[in-house]
PDB file of N, CA and C in Angstrom:
ATOM      1  N   MET A   1      -8.194 -12.944 -11.151  1.00  0.00           N
ATOM      2  CA  MET A   1      -8.832 -11.727 -10.694  1.00  0.00           C
ATOM      3  C   MET A   1     -10.309 -11.984 -10.415  1.00  0.00           C
ATOM      4  N   ILE A   2     -10.810 -11.328  -9.385  1.00  0.00           N
ATOM      5  CA  ILE A   2     -12.211 -11.462  -9.022  1.00  0.00           C
ATOM      6  C   ILE A   2     -12.816 -10.071  -8.993  1.00  0.00           C
ATOM      7  N   ASN A   3     -13.870  -9.852  -9.794  1.00  0.00           N
ATOM      8  CA  ASN A   3     -14.549  -8.560  -9.833  1.00  0.00           C
ATOM      9  C   ASN A   3     -13.566  -7.394  -9.974  1.00  0.00           C
ATOM     10  N   GLY A   4     -12.607  -7.538 -10.846  1.00  0.00           N
ATOM     11  CA  GLY A   4     -11.637  -6.475 -11.062  1.00  0.00           C
ATOM     12  C   GLY A   4     -10.575  -6.397  -9.986  1.00  0.00           C
ATOM     13  N   GLY A   5     -10.616  -7.282  -9.006  1.00  0.00           N
ATOM     14  CA  GLY A   5      -9.630  -7.283  -7.938  1.00  0.00           C
ATOM     15  C   GLY A   5      -8.852  -8.578  -7.942  1.00  0.00           C
ATOM     16  N   ILE A   6      -7.869  -8.633  -7.114  1.00  0.00           N
ATOM     17  CA  ILE A   6      -7.052  -9.842  -7.010  1.00  0.00           C
ATOM     18  C   ILE A   6      -7.384 -10.488  -5.679  1.00  0.00           C
ATOM     19  N   ASP A   7      -7.610 -11.792  -5.702  1.00  0.00           N
ATOM     20  CA  ASP A   7      -8.122 -12.465  -4.512  1.00  0.00           C
ATOM     21  C   ASP A   7      -7.063 -12.879  -3.505  1.00  0.00           C
ATOM     22  N   ASN A   8      -5.783 -12.726  -3.804  1.00  0.00           N
ATOM     23  CA  ASN A   8      -4.774 -13.032  -2.784  1.00  0.00           C
ATOM     24  C   ASN A   8      -3.503 -12.235  -3.018  1.00  0.00           C
ATOM     25  N   LEU A   9      -2.748 -12.077  -1.963  1.00  0.00           N
ATOM     26  CA  LEU A   9      -1.551 -11.237  -2.025  1.00  0.00           C
ATOM     27  C   LEU A   9      -0.452 -11.812  -2.899  1.00  0.00           C
ATOM     28  N   GLY A  10      -0.322 -13.133  -2.914  1.00  0.00           N
ATOM     29  CA  GLY A  10       0.704 -13.749  -3.755  1.00  0.00           C
ATOM     30  C   GLY A  10       0.466 -13.467  -5.224  1.00  0.00           C
ATOM     31  N   LEU A  11      -0.765 -13.587  -5.645  1.00  0.00           N
ATOM     32  CA  LEU A  11      -1.112 -13.299  -7.037  1.00  0.00           C
ATOM     33  C   LEU A  11      -0.913 -11.815  -7.332  1.00  0.00           C
ATOM     34  N   PHE A  12      -1.300 -10.965  -6.404  1.00  0.00           N
ATOM     35  CA  PHE A  12      -1.100  -9.530  -6.591  1.00  0.00           C
ATOM     36  C   PHE A  12       0.380  -9.209  -6.748  1.00  0.00           C
ATOM     37  N   GLN A  13       1.208  -9.792  -5.903  1.00  0.00           N
ATOM     38  CA  GLN A  13       2.647  -9.535  -5.983  1.00  0.00           C
ATOM     39  C   GLN A  13       3.200  -9.996  -7.324  1.00  0.00           C
ATOM     40  N   PHE A  14       2.761 -11.150  -7.784  1.00  0.00           N
ATOM     41  CA  PHE A  14       3.197 -11.660  -9.084  1.00  0.00           C
ATOM     42  C   PHE A  14       2.758 -10.719 -10.206  1.00  0.00           C
ATOM     43  N   GLU A  15       1.502 -10.293 -10.189  1.00  0.00           N
ATOM     44  CA  GLU A  15       0.987  -9.389 -11.221  1.00  0.00           C
ATOM     45  C   GLU A  15       1.743  -8.057 -11.211  1.00  0.00           C
ATOM     46  N   ALA A  16       2.027  -7.533 -10.020  1.00  0.00           N
ATOM     47  CA  ALA A  16       2.770  -6.278  -9.905  1.00  0.00           C
ATOM     48  C   ALA A  16       4.169  -6.429 -10.486  1.00  0.00           C
ATOM     49  N   LYS A  17       4.816  -7.551 -10.195  1.00  0.00           N
ATOM     50  CA  LYS A  17       6.158  -7.816 -10.725  1.00  0.00           C
ATOM     51  C   LYS A  17       6.126  -7.867 -12.254  1.00  0.00           C
ATOM     52  N   GLU A  18       5.167  -8.583 -12.810  1.00  0.00           N
ATOM     53  CA  GLU A  18       5.054  -8.712 -14.266  1.00  0.00           C
ATOM     54  C   GLU A  18       4.770  -7.364 -14.932  1.00  0.00           C
ATOM     55  N   LEU A  19       3.854  -6.598 -14.371  1.00  0.00           N
ATOM     56  CA  LEU A  19       3.539  -5.279 -14.934  1.00  0.00           C
ATOM     57  C   LEU A  19       4.733  -4.341 -14.847  1.00  0.00           C
ATOM     58  N   ALA A  20       5.404  -4.338 -13.710  1.00  0.00           N
ATOM     59  CA  ALA A  20       6.571  -3.463 -13.523  1.00  0.00           C
ATOM     60  C   ALA A  20       7.652  -3.796 -14.548  1.00  0.00           C
ATOM     61  N   ALA A  21       7.847  -5.080 -14.821  1.00  0.00           N
ATOM     62  CA  ALA A  21       8.868  -5.486 -15.794  1.00  0.00           C
ATOM     63  C   ALA A  21       8.531  -4.982 -17.192  1.00  0.00           C
ATOM     64  N   GLN A  22       7.254  -4.867 -17.494  1.00  0.00           N
ATOM     65  CA  GLN A  22       6.824  -4.389 -18.811  1.00  0.00           C
ATOM     66  C   GLN A  22       6.803  -2.868 -18.910  1.00  0.00           C
ATOM     67  N   ILE A  23       6.516  -2.204 -17.795  1.00  0.00           N
ATOM     68  CA  ILE A  23       6.342  -0.747 -17.802  1.00  0.00           C
ATOM     69  C   ILE A  23       7.646  -0.009 -17.502  1.00  0.00           C
ATOM     70  N   PHE A  24       8.355  -0.458 -16.492  1.00  0.00           N
ATOM     71  CA  PHE A  24       9.548   0.246 -16.009  1.00  0.00           C
ATOM     72  C   PHE A  24      10.796  -0.476 -16.496  1.00  0.00           C
ATOM     73  N   LEU A  25      11.069  -0.351 -17.759  1.00  0.00           N
ATOM     74  CA  LEU A  25      12.145  -1.116 -18.398  1.00  0.00           C
ATOM     75  C   LEU A  25      13.538  -0.757 -17.883  1.00  0.00           C
ATOM     76  N   ASN A  26      13.715   0.446 -17.385  1.00  0.00           N
ATOM     77  CA  ASN A  26      15.039   0.876 -16.921  1.00  0.00           C
ATOM     78  C   ASN A  26      15.298   0.559 -15.456  1.00  0.00           C
ATOM     79  N   ASP A  27      14.302   0.059 -14.739  1.00  0.00           N
ATOM     80  CA  ASP A  27      14.487  -0.276 -13.328  1.00  0.00           C
ATOM     81  C   ASP A  27      15.318  -1.543 -13.197  1.00  0.00           C
ATOM     82  N   LYS A  28      16.426  -1.431 -12.518  1.00  0.00           N
ATOM     83  CA  LYS A  28      17.315  -2.575 -12.273  1.00  0.00           C
ATOM     84  C   LYS A  28      17.412  -2.792 -10.771  1.00  0.00           C
ATOM     85  N   PRO A  29      17.313  -4.050 -10.301  1.00  0.00           N
ATOM     86  CA  PRO A  29      17.399  -4.316  -8.861  1.00  0.00           C
ATOM     87  C   PRO A  29      18.677  -3.738  -8.259  1.00  0.00           C
ATOM     88  N   GLY A  30      18.560  -3.235  -7.043  1.00  0.00           N
ATOM     89  CA  GLY A  30      19.714  -2.703  -6.342  1.00  0.00           C
ATOM     90  C   GLY A  30      19.333  -1.584  -5.404  1.00  0.00           C
ATOM     91  N   LYS A  31      20.349  -1.019  -4.756  1.00  0.00           N
ATOM     92  CA  LYS A  31      20.147   0.029  -3.762  1.00  0.00           C
ATOM     93  C   LYS A  31      19.455   1.248  -4.347  1.00  0.00           C
ATOM     94  N   ILE A  32      19.841   1.647  -5.541  1.00  0.00           N
ATOM     95  CA  ILE A  32      19.238   2.838  -6.145  1.00  0.00           C
ATOM     96  C   ILE A  32      17.754   2.613  -6.380  1.00  0.00           C
ATOM     97  N   LEU A  33      17.388   1.441  -6.882  1.00  0.00           N
ATOM     98  CA  LEU A  33      15.975   1.159  -7.110  1.00  0.00           C
ATOM     99  C   LEU A  33      15.220   1.144  -5.782  1.00  0.00           C
ATOM    100  N   GLY A  34      15.824   0.594  -4.750  1.00  0.00           N
ATOM    101  CA  GLY A  34      15.179   0.614  -3.437  1.00  0.00           C
ATOM    102  C   GLY A  34      14.898   2.031  -2.970  1.00  0.00           C
ATOM    103  N   ASP A  35      15.873   2.907  -3.147  1.00  0.00           N
ATOM    104  CA  ASP A  35      15.681   4.316  -2.780  1.00  0.00           C
ATOM    105  C   ASP A  35      14.589   4.960  -3.625  1.00  0.00           C
ATOM    106  N   GLN A  36      14.585   4.674  -4.927  1.00  0.00           N
ATOM    107  CA  GLN A  36      13.581   5.251  -5.814  1.00  0.00           C
ATOM    108  C   GLN A  36      12.176   4.770  -5.458  1.00  0.00           C
ATOM    109  N   LEU A  37      12.042   3.475  -5.221  1.00  0.00           N
ATOM    110  CA  LEU A  37      10.724   2.930  -4.871  1.00  0.00           C
ATOM    111  C   LEU A  37      10.241   3.477  -3.538  1.00  0.00           C
ATOM    112  N   THR A  38      11.161   3.632  -2.591  1.00  0.00           N
ATOM    113  CA  THR A  38      10.787   4.185  -1.296  1.00  0.00           C
ATOM    114  C   THR A  38      10.319   5.631  -1.444  1.00  0.00           C
ATOM    115  N   ALA A  39      11.012   6.404  -2.261  1.00  0.00           N
ATOM    116  CA  ALA A  39      10.596   7.790  -2.494  1.00  0.00           C
ATOM    117  C   ALA A  39       9.227   7.836  -3.164  1.00  0.00           C
ATOM    118  N   ARG A  40       9.014   6.968  -4.141  1.00  0.00           N
ATOM    119  CA  ARG A  40       7.707   6.914  -4.814  1.00  0.00           C
ATOM    120  C   ARG A  40       6.618   6.513  -3.823  1.00  0.00           C
ATOM    121  N   LEU A  41       6.936   5.560  -2.947  1.00  0.00           N
ATOM    122  CA  LEU A  41       5.956   5.119  -1.953  1.00  0.00           C
ATOM    123  C   LEU A  41       5.597   6.270  -1.017  1.00  0.00           C
ATOM    124  N   CYS A  42       6.586   7.024  -0.576  1.00  0.00           N
ATOM    125  CA  CYS A  42       6.317   8.176   0.295  1.00  0.00           C
ATOM    126  C   CYS A  42       5.394   9.174  -0.393  1.00  0.00           C
ATOM    127  N   GLU A  43       5.650   9.425  -1.665  1.00  0.00           N
ATOM    128  CA  GLU A  43       4.794  10.338  -2.426  1.00  0.00           C
ATOM    129  C   GLU A  43       3.364   9.811  -2.491  1.00  0.00           C
ATOM    130  N   GLU A  44       3.221   8.526  -2.763  1.00  0.00           N
ATOM    131  CA  GLU A  44       1.878   7.943  -2.872  1.00  0.00           C
ATOM    132  C   GLU A  44       1.160   7.913  -1.526  1.00  0.00           C
ATOM    133  N   VAL A  45       1.894   7.675  -0.443  1.00  0.00           N
ATOM    134  CA  VAL A  45       1.275   7.715   0.882  1.00  0.00           C
ATOM    135  C   VAL A  45       0.760   9.120   1.165  1.00  0.00           C
ATOM    136  N   GLY A  46       1.505  10.135   0.746  1.00  0.00           N
ATOM    137  CA  GLY A  46       1.038  11.514   0.894  1.00  0.00           C
ATOM    138  C   GLY A  46      -0.238  11.765   0.113  1.00  0.00           C
ATOM    139  N   GLU A  47      -0.304  11.218  -1.111  1.00  0.00           N
ATOM    140  CA  GLU A  47      -1.510  11.375  -1.915  1.00  0.00           C
ATOM    141  C   GLU A  47      -2.685  10.620  -1.290  1.00  0.00           C
ATOM    142  N   LEU A  48      -2.415   9.463  -0.712  1.00  0.00           N
ATOM    143  CA  LEU A  48      -3.457   8.712  -0.009  1.00  0.00           C
ATOM    144  C   LEU A  48      -3.944   9.508   1.196  1.00  0.00           C
ATOM    145  N   ALA A  49      -3.020  10.084   1.950  1.00  0.00           N
ATOM    146  CA  ALA A  49      -3.394  10.880   3.122  1.00  0.00           C
ATOM    147  C   ALA A  49      -4.302  12.035   2.708  1.00  0.00           C
ATOM    148  N   ARG A  50      -3.956  12.703   1.627  1.00  0.00           N
ATOM    149  CA  ARG A  50      -4.787  13.812   1.152  1.00  0.00           C
ATOM    150  C   ARG A  50      -6.170  13.309   0.750  1.00  0.00           C
ATOM    151  N   ALA A  51      -6.229  12.195   0.045  1.00  0.00           N
ATOM    152  CA  ALA A  51      -7.523  11.642  -0.386  1.00  0.00           C
ATOM    153  C   ALA A  51      -8.377  11.253   0.820  1.00  0.00           C
ATOM    154  N   VAL A  52      -7.752  10.666   1.834  1.00  0.00           N
ATOM    155  CA  VAL A  52      -8.487  10.264   3.030  1.00  0.00           C
ATOM    156  C   VAL A  52      -8.964  11.499   3.798  1.00  0.00           C
ATOM    157  N   ARG A  53      -8.111  12.505   3.914  1.00  0.00           N
ATOM    158  CA  ARG A  53      -8.491  13.727   4.636  1.00  0.00           C
ATOM    159  C   ARG A  53      -9.634  14.456   3.949  1.00  0.00           C
ATOM    160  N   ARG A  54      -9.699  14.341   2.622  1.00  0.00           N
ATOM    161  CA  ARG A  54     -10.769  14.990   1.857  1.00  0.00           C
ATOM    162  C   ARG A  54     -12.012  14.121   1.753  1.00  0.00           C
ATOM    163  N   PHE A  55     -11.908  12.858   2.140  1.00  0.00           N
ATOM    164  CA  PHE A  55     -12.981  11.898   1.904  1.00  0.00           C
ATOM    165  C   PHE A  55     -14.298  12.371   2.524  1.00  0.00           C
ATOM    166  N   GLY A  56     -15.260  12.617   1.660  1.00  0.00           N
ATOM    167  CA  GLY A  56     -16.602  12.963   2.098  1.00  0.00           C
ATOM    168  C   GLY A  56     -16.774  14.344   2.684  1.00  0.00           C
ATOM    169  N   CYS A  57     -15.731  15.151   2.744  1.00  0.00           N
ATOM    170  CA  CYS A  57     -15.865  16.486   3.324  1.00  0.00           C
ATOM    171  C   CYS A  57     -14.744  17.394   2.825  1.00  0.00           C
ATOM    172  N   HIS A  58     -14.851  18.648   3.156  1.00  0.00           N
ATOM    173  CA  HIS A  58     -13.807  19.616   2.818  1.00  0.00           C
ATOM    174  C   HIS A  58     -12.744  19.597   3.908  1.00  0.00           C
ATOM    175  N   ARG A  59     -11.492  19.721   3.498  1.00  0.00           N
ATOM    176  CA  ARG A  59     -10.432  19.851   4.493  1.00  0.00           C
ATOM    177  C   ARG A  59     -10.533  21.233   5.125  1.00  0.00           C
ATOM    178  N   ILE A  60     -10.223  21.307   6.403  1.00  0.00           N
ATOM    179  CA  ILE A  60     -10.229  22.586   7.108  1.00  0.00           C
ATOM    180  C   ILE A  60      -9.223  23.513   6.438  1.00  0.00           C
ATOM    181  N   GLY A  61      -9.659  24.718   6.162  1.00  0.00           N
ATOM    182  CA  GLY A  61      -8.789  25.702   5.534  1.00  0.00           C
ATOM    183  C   GLY A  61      -8.735  25.606   4.016  1.00  0.00           C
ATOM    184  N   HIS A  62      -9.524  24.703   3.423  1.00  0.00           N
ATOM    185  CA  HIS A  62      -9.561  24.527   1.969  1.00  0.00           C
ATOM    186  C   HIS A  62     -11.008  24.529   1.482  1.00  0.00           C
ATOM    187  N   PRO A  63     -11.712  25.666   1.656  1.00  0.00           N
ATOM    188  CA  PRO A  63     -13.147  25.682   1.343  1.00  0.00           C
ATOM    189  C   PRO A  63     -13.469  25.467  -0.142  1.00  0.00           C
ATOM    190  N   ASP A  64     -12.547  25.765  -1.027  1.00  0.00           N
ATOM    191  CA  ASP A  64     -12.820  25.623  -2.458  1.00  0.00           C
ATOM    192  C   ASP A  64     -12.501  24.227  -2.991  1.00  0.00           C
ATOM    193  N   GLU A  65     -11.915  23.392  -2.167  1.00  0.00           N
ATOM    194  CA  GLU A  65     -11.533  22.046  -2.581  1.00  0.00           C
ATOM    195  C   GLU A  65     -12.752  21.124  -2.544  1.00  0.00           C
ATOM    196  N   LYS A  66     -12.888  20.311  -3.584  1.00  0.00           N
ATOM    197  CA  LYS A  66     -14.002  19.363  -3.621  1.00  0.00           C
ATOM    198  C   LYS A  66     -13.766  18.249  -2.607  1.00  0.00           C
ATOM    199  N   PRO A  67     -14.850  17.714  -2.027  1.00  0.00           N
ATOM    200  CA  PRO A  67     -14.692  16.559  -1.143  1.00  0.00           C
ATOM    201  C   PRO A  67     -14.104  15.373  -1.907  1.00  0.00           C
ATOM    202  N   GLY A  68     -13.367  14.539  -1.213  1.00  0.00           N
ATOM    203  CA  GLY A  68     -12.789  13.361  -1.824  1.00  0.00           C
ATOM    204  C   GLY A  68     -13.830  12.283  -2.052  1.00  0.00           C
ATOM    205  N   THR A  69     -13.493  11.340  -2.915  1.00  0.00           N
ATOM    206  CA  THR A  69     -14.420  10.270  -3.256  1.00  0.00           C
ATOM    207  C   THR A  69     -13.823   8.904  -2.937  1.00  0.00           C
ATOM    208  N   THR A  70     -14.690   7.926  -2.885  1.00  0.00           N
ATOM    209  CA  THR A  70     -14.245   6.552  -2.689  1.00  0.00           C
ATOM    210  C   THR A  70     -13.288   6.142  -3.802  1.00  0.00           C
ATOM    211  N   ASP A  71     -13.592   6.523  -5.034  1.00  0.00           N
ATOM    212  CA  ASP A  71     -12.722   6.161  -6.159  1.00  0.00           C
ATOM    213  C   ASP A  71     -11.316   6.727  -6.001  1.00  0.00           C
ATOM    214  N   GLU A  72     -11.199   7.946  -5.493  1.00  0.00           N
ATOM    215  CA  GLU A  72      -9.871   8.529  -5.274  1.00  0.00           C
ATOM    216  C   GLU A  72      -9.097   7.748  -4.217  1.00  0.00           C
ATOM    217  N   VAL A  73      -9.778   7.358  -3.139  1.00  0.00           N
ATOM    218  CA  VAL A  73      -9.125   6.585  -2.091  1.00  0.00           C
ATOM    219  C   VAL A  73      -8.702   5.220  -2.643  1.00  0.00           C
ATOM    220  N   ILE A  74      -9.572   4.590  -3.417  1.00  0.00           N
ATOM    221  CA  ILE A  74      -9.242   3.298  -4.031  1.00  0.00           C
ATOM    222  C   ILE A  74      -8.010   3.430  -4.910  1.00  0.00           C
ATOM    223  N   ASP A  75      -7.975   4.460  -5.740  1.00  0.00           N
ATOM    224  CA  ASP A  75      -6.819   4.669  -6.624  1.00  0.00           C
ATOM    225  C   ASP A  75      -5.530   4.824  -5.838  1.00  0.00           C
ATOM    226  N   GLU A  76      -5.564   5.612  -4.779  1.00  0.00           N
ATOM    227  CA  GLU A  76      -4.352   5.864  -4.002  1.00  0.00           C
ATOM    228  C   GLU A  76      -3.931   4.631  -3.206  1.00  0.00           C
ATOM    229  N   ILE A  77      -4.891   3.887  -2.655  1.00  0.00           N
ATOM    230  CA  ILE A  77      -4.545   2.639  -1.969  1.00  0.00           C
ATOM    231  C   ILE A  77      -3.908   1.676  -2.967  1.00  0.00           C
ATOM    232  N   GLY A  78      -4.448   1.620  -4.169  1.00  0.00           N
ATOM    233  CA  GLY A  78      -3.872   0.762  -5.202  1.00  0.00           C
ATOM    234  C   GLY A  78      -2.435   1.132  -5.517  1.00  0.00           C
ATOM    235  N   ASP A  79      -2.161   2.430  -5.629  1.00  0.00           N
ATOM    236  CA  ASP A  79      -0.792   2.879  -5.897  1.00  0.00           C
ATOM    237  C   ASP A  79       0.153   2.470  -4.769  1.00  0.00           C
ATOM    238  N   VAL A  80      -0.312   2.638  -3.519  1.00  0.00           N
ATOM    239  CA  VAL A  80       0.501   2.260  -2.362  1.00  0.00           C
ATOM    240  C   VAL A  80       0.749   0.751  -2.364  1.00  0.00           C
ATOM    241  N   LEU A  81      -0.285  -0.019  -2.646  1.00  0.00           N
ATOM    242  CA  LEU A  81      -0.127  -1.478  -2.685  1.00  0.00           C
ATOM    243  C   LEU A  81       0.837  -1.911  -3.786  1.00  0.00           C
ATOM    244  N   PHE A  82       0.719  -1.286  -4.956  1.00  0.00           N
ATOM    245  CA  PHE A  82       1.602  -1.638  -6.070  1.00  0.00           C
ATOM    246  C   PHE A  82       3.065  -1.394  -5.702  1.00  0.00           C
ATOM    247  N   LEU A  83       3.355  -0.237  -5.134  1.00  0.00           N
ATOM    248  CA  LEU A  83       4.735   0.068  -4.763  1.00  0.00           C
ATOM    249  C   LEU A  83       5.205  -0.809  -3.605  1.00  0.00           C
ATOM    250  N   THR A  84       4.316  -1.119  -2.682  1.00  0.00           N
ATOM    251  CA  THR A  84       4.668  -2.027  -1.591  1.00  0.00           C
ATOM    252  C   THR A  84       5.031  -3.402  -2.154  1.00  0.00           C
ATOM    253  N   ALA A  85       4.276  -3.863  -3.141  1.00  0.00           N
ATOM    254  CA  ALA A  85       4.569  -5.151  -3.783  1.00  0.00           C
ATOM    255  C   ALA A  85       5.917  -5.105  -4.492  1.00  0.00           C
ATOM    256  N   ARG A  86       6.222  -3.998  -5.131  1.00  0.00           N
ATOM    257  CA  ARG A  86       7.509  -3.870  -5.821  1.00  0.00           C
ATOM    258  C   ARG A  86       8.663  -3.883  -4.822  1.00  0.00           C
ATOM    259  N   ILE A  87       8.496  -3.193  -3.705  1.00  0.00           N
ATOM    260  CA  ILE A  87       9.535  -3.184  -2.673  1.00  0.00           C
ATOM    261  C   ILE A  87       9.690  -4.583  -2.080  1.00  0.00           C
ATOM    262  N   ALA A  88       8.584  -5.249  -1.836  1.00  0.00           N
ATOM    263  CA  ALA A  88       8.642  -6.615  -1.315  1.00  0.00           C
ATOM    264  C   ALA A  88       9.396  -7.518  -2.279  1.00  0.00           C
ATOM    265  N   GLU A  89       9.105  -7.396  -3.557  1.00  0.00           N
ATOM    266  CA  GLU A  89       9.774  -8.223  -4.568  1.00  0.00           C
ATOM    267  C   GLU A  89      11.274  -7.923  -4.591  1.00  0.00           C
ATOM    268  N   LEU A  90      11.627  -6.653  -4.536  1.00  0.00           N
ATOM    269  CA  LEU A  90      13.031  -6.253  -4.546  1.00  0.00           C
ATOM    270  C   LEU A  90      13.783  -6.848  -3.351  1.00  0.00           C
ATOM    271  N   CYS A  91      13.109  -6.916  -2.212  1.00  0.00           N
ATOM    272  CA  CYS A  91      13.736  -7.394  -0.976  1.00  0.00           C
ATOM    273  C   CYS A  91      13.492  -8.880  -0.730  1.00  0.00           C
ATOM    274  N   ASP A  92      12.921  -9.567  -1.715  1.00  0.00           N
ATOM    275  CA  ASP A  92      12.659 -11.000  -1.622  1.00  0.00           C
ATOM    276  C   ASP A  92      11.766 -11.329  -0.428  1.00  0.00           C
ATOM    277  N   VAL A  93      10.711 -10.544  -0.274  1.00  0.00           N
ATOM    278  CA  VAL A  93       9.733 -10.723   0.799  1.00  0.00           C
ATOM    279  C   VAL A  93       8.395 -11.076   0.163  1.00  0.00           C
ATOM    280  N   LYS A  94       7.715 -12.037   0.736  1.00  0.00           N
ATOM    281  CA  LYS A  94       6.379 -12.391   0.264  1.00  0.00           C
ATOM    282  C   LYS A  94       5.360 -11.536   1.017  1.00  0.00           C
ATOM    283  N   LEU A  95       4.499 -10.845   0.262  1.00  0.00           N
ATOM    284  CA  LEU A  95       3.469 -10.029   0.898  1.00  0.00           C
ATOM    285  C   LEU A  95       2.593 -10.862   1.819  1.00  0.00           C
ATOM    286  N   SER A  96       2.284 -12.075   1.406  1.00  0.00           N
ATOM    287  CA  SER A  96       1.420 -12.928   2.227  1.00  0.00           C
ATOM    288  C   SER A  96       2.088 -13.239   3.573  1.00  0.00           C
ATOM    289  N   GLU A  97       3.403 -13.427   3.561  1.00  0.00           N
ATOM    290  CA  GLU A  97       4.120 -13.678   4.814  1.00  0.00           C
ATOM    291  C   GLU A  97       4.090 -12.442   5.709  1.00  0.00           C
ATOM    292  N   ALA A  98       4.317 -11.273   5.109  1.00  0.00           N
ATOM    293  CA  ALA A  98       4.292 -10.029   5.880  1.00  0.00           C
ATOM    294  C   ALA A  98       2.892  -9.787   6.460  1.00  0.00           C
ATOM    295  N   ALA A  99       1.859 -10.047   5.671  1.00  0.00           N
ATOM    296  CA  ALA A  99       0.483  -9.856   6.144  1.00  0.00           C
ATOM    297  C   ALA A  99       0.179 -10.823   7.286  1.00  0.00           C
ATOM    298  N   GLY A 100       0.600 -12.068   7.142  1.00  0.00           N
ATOM    299  CA  GLY A 100       0.373 -13.046   8.205  1.00  0.00           C
ATOM    300  C   GLY A 100       1.085 -12.666   9.489  1.00  0.00           C
ATOM    301  N   LYS A 101       2.317 -12.180   9.370  1.00  0.00           N
ATOM    302  CA  LYS A 101       3.089 -11.793  10.554  1.00  0.00           C
ATOM    303  C   LYS A 101       2.455 -10.611  11.272  1.00  0.00           C
ATOM    304  N   VAL A 102       1.935  -9.654  10.518  1.00  0.00           N
ATOM    305  CA  VAL A 102       1.344  -8.489  11.187  1.00  0.00           C
ATOM    306  C   VAL A 102       0.053  -8.880  11.906  1.00  0.00           C
ATOM    307  N   ILE A 103      -0.710  -9.801  11.348  1.00  0.00           N
ATOM    308  CA  ILE A 103      -1.932 -10.252  12.026  1.00  0.00           C
ATOM    309  C   ILE A 103      -1.568 -10.951  13.332  1.00  0.00           C
ATOM    310  N   ILE A 104      -0.581 -11.827  13.283  1.00  0.00           N
ATOM    311  CA  ILE A 104      -0.136 -12.524  14.496  1.00  0.00           C
ATOM    312  C   ILE A 104       0.354 -11.513  15.533  1.00  0.00           C
ATOM    313  N   LYS A 105       1.148 -10.536  15.097  1.00  0.00           N
ATOM    314  CA  LYS A 105       1.677  -9.519  16.009  1.00  0.00           C
ATOM    315  C   LYS A 105       0.547  -8.728  16.667  1.00  0.00           C
ATOM    316  N   LEU A 106      -0.448  -8.337  15.875  1.00  0.00           N
ATOM    317  CA  LEU A 106      -1.554  -7.555  16.421  1.00  0.00           C
ATOM    318  C   LEU A 106      -2.421  -8.387  17.359  1.00  0.00           C
ATOM    319  N   GLU A 107      -2.625  -9.655  17.027  1.00  0.00           N
ATOM    320  CA  GLU A 107      -3.387 -10.532  17.917  1.00  0.00           C
ATOM    321  C   GLU A 107      -2.663 -10.709  19.248  1.00  0.00           C
ATOM    322  N   GLN A 108      -1.330 -10.841  19.199  1.00  0.00           N
ATOM    323  CA  GLN A 108      -0.550 -10.967  20.435  1.00  0.00           C
ATOM    324  C   GLN A 108      -0.664  -9.699  21.278  1.00  0.00           C
ATOM    325  N   ARG A 109      -0.584  -8.557  20.630  1.00  0.00           N
ATOM    326  CA  ARG A 109      -0.720  -7.289  21.361  1.00  0.00           C
ATOM    327  C   ARG A 109      -2.087  -7.189  22.012  1.00  0.00           C
ATOM    328  N   MET A 110      -3.122  -7.597  21.282  1.00  0.00           N
ATOM    329  CA  MET A 110      -4.474  -7.530  21.813  1.00  0.00           C
ATOM    330  C   MET A 110      -4.601  -8.436  23.046  1.00  0.00           C
ATOM    331  N   ARG A 111      -4.051  -9.652  22.969  1.00  0.00           N
ATOM    332  CA  ARG A 111      -4.104 -10.570  24.116  1.00  0.00           C
ATOM    333  C   ARG A 111      -3.340  -9.985  25.306  1.00  0.00           C
ATOM    334  N   GLU A 112      -2.176  -9.372  25.044  1.00  0.00           N
ATOM    335  CA  GLU A 112      -1.394  -8.768  26.129  1.00  0.00           C
ATOM    336  C   GLU A 112      -2.153  -7.619  26.777  1.00  0.00           C
ATOM    337  N   ARG A 113      -2.831  -6.829  25.996  1.00  0.00           N
ATOM    338  CA  ARG A 113      -3.612  -5.720  26.540  1.00  0.00           C
ATOM    339  C   ARG A 113      -4.783  -6.242  27.350  1.00  0.00           C
ATOM    340  N   GLN A 114      -5.416  -7.299  26.873  1.00  0.00           N
ATOM    341  CA  GLN A 114      -6.539  -7.881  27.599  1.00  0.00           C
ATOM    342  C   GLN A 114      -6.082  -8.437  28.945  1.00  0.00           C
ATOM    343  N   LYS A 115      -4.891  -9.046  28.985  1.00  0.00           N
ATOM    344  CA  LYS A 115      -4.346  -9.551  30.239  1.00  0.00           C
ATOM    345  C   LYS A 115      -4.110  -8.405  31.213  1.00  0.00           C
ATOM    346  N   GLY A 116      -3.649  -7.279  30.694  1.00  0.00           N
ATOM    347  CA  GLY A 116      -3.370  -6.123  31.544  1.00  0.00           C
ATOM    348  C   GLY A 116      -4.610  -5.480  32.107  1.00  0.00           C
ATOM    349  N   CYS A 117      -5.748  -5.729  31.496  1.00  0.00           N
ATOM    350  CA  CYS A 117      -7.011  -5.116  31.940  1.00  0.00           C
ATOM    351  C   CYS A 117      -7.745  -5.978  32.954  1.00  0.00           C
ATOM    352  N   THR A 118      -7.295  -7.195  33.182  1.00  0.00           N
ATOM    353  CA  THR A 118      -8.022  -8.066  34.108  1.00  0.00           C
ATOM    354  C   THR A 118      -7.362  -8.131  35.451  1.00  0.00           C
TER     355      THR A 118
END
């Protein structure tokens, strides 16, 4: 860990797996767990969306709600990352591989768009 964070996705995935094994003793690999983790992830993405929408300002139509903070966004991103790591582990996917593939995909899209503009 570096400054309270994890410096690479492989280590994060390993740490998430180890913590989950200690905390969620009744979770057993399989279809039901996949459904449960996906539902939890959807819930956390909703909480992240709310934190982002509130970040630094009041949401429209919610004048009594306090503005969101960086710490709230960090907490919700962490929850999303943790569940994403658990889903990756369940599906035998390496987060680092998924991250690398998305960067390559986005770079290819950017090059294709640049070709279309010339």
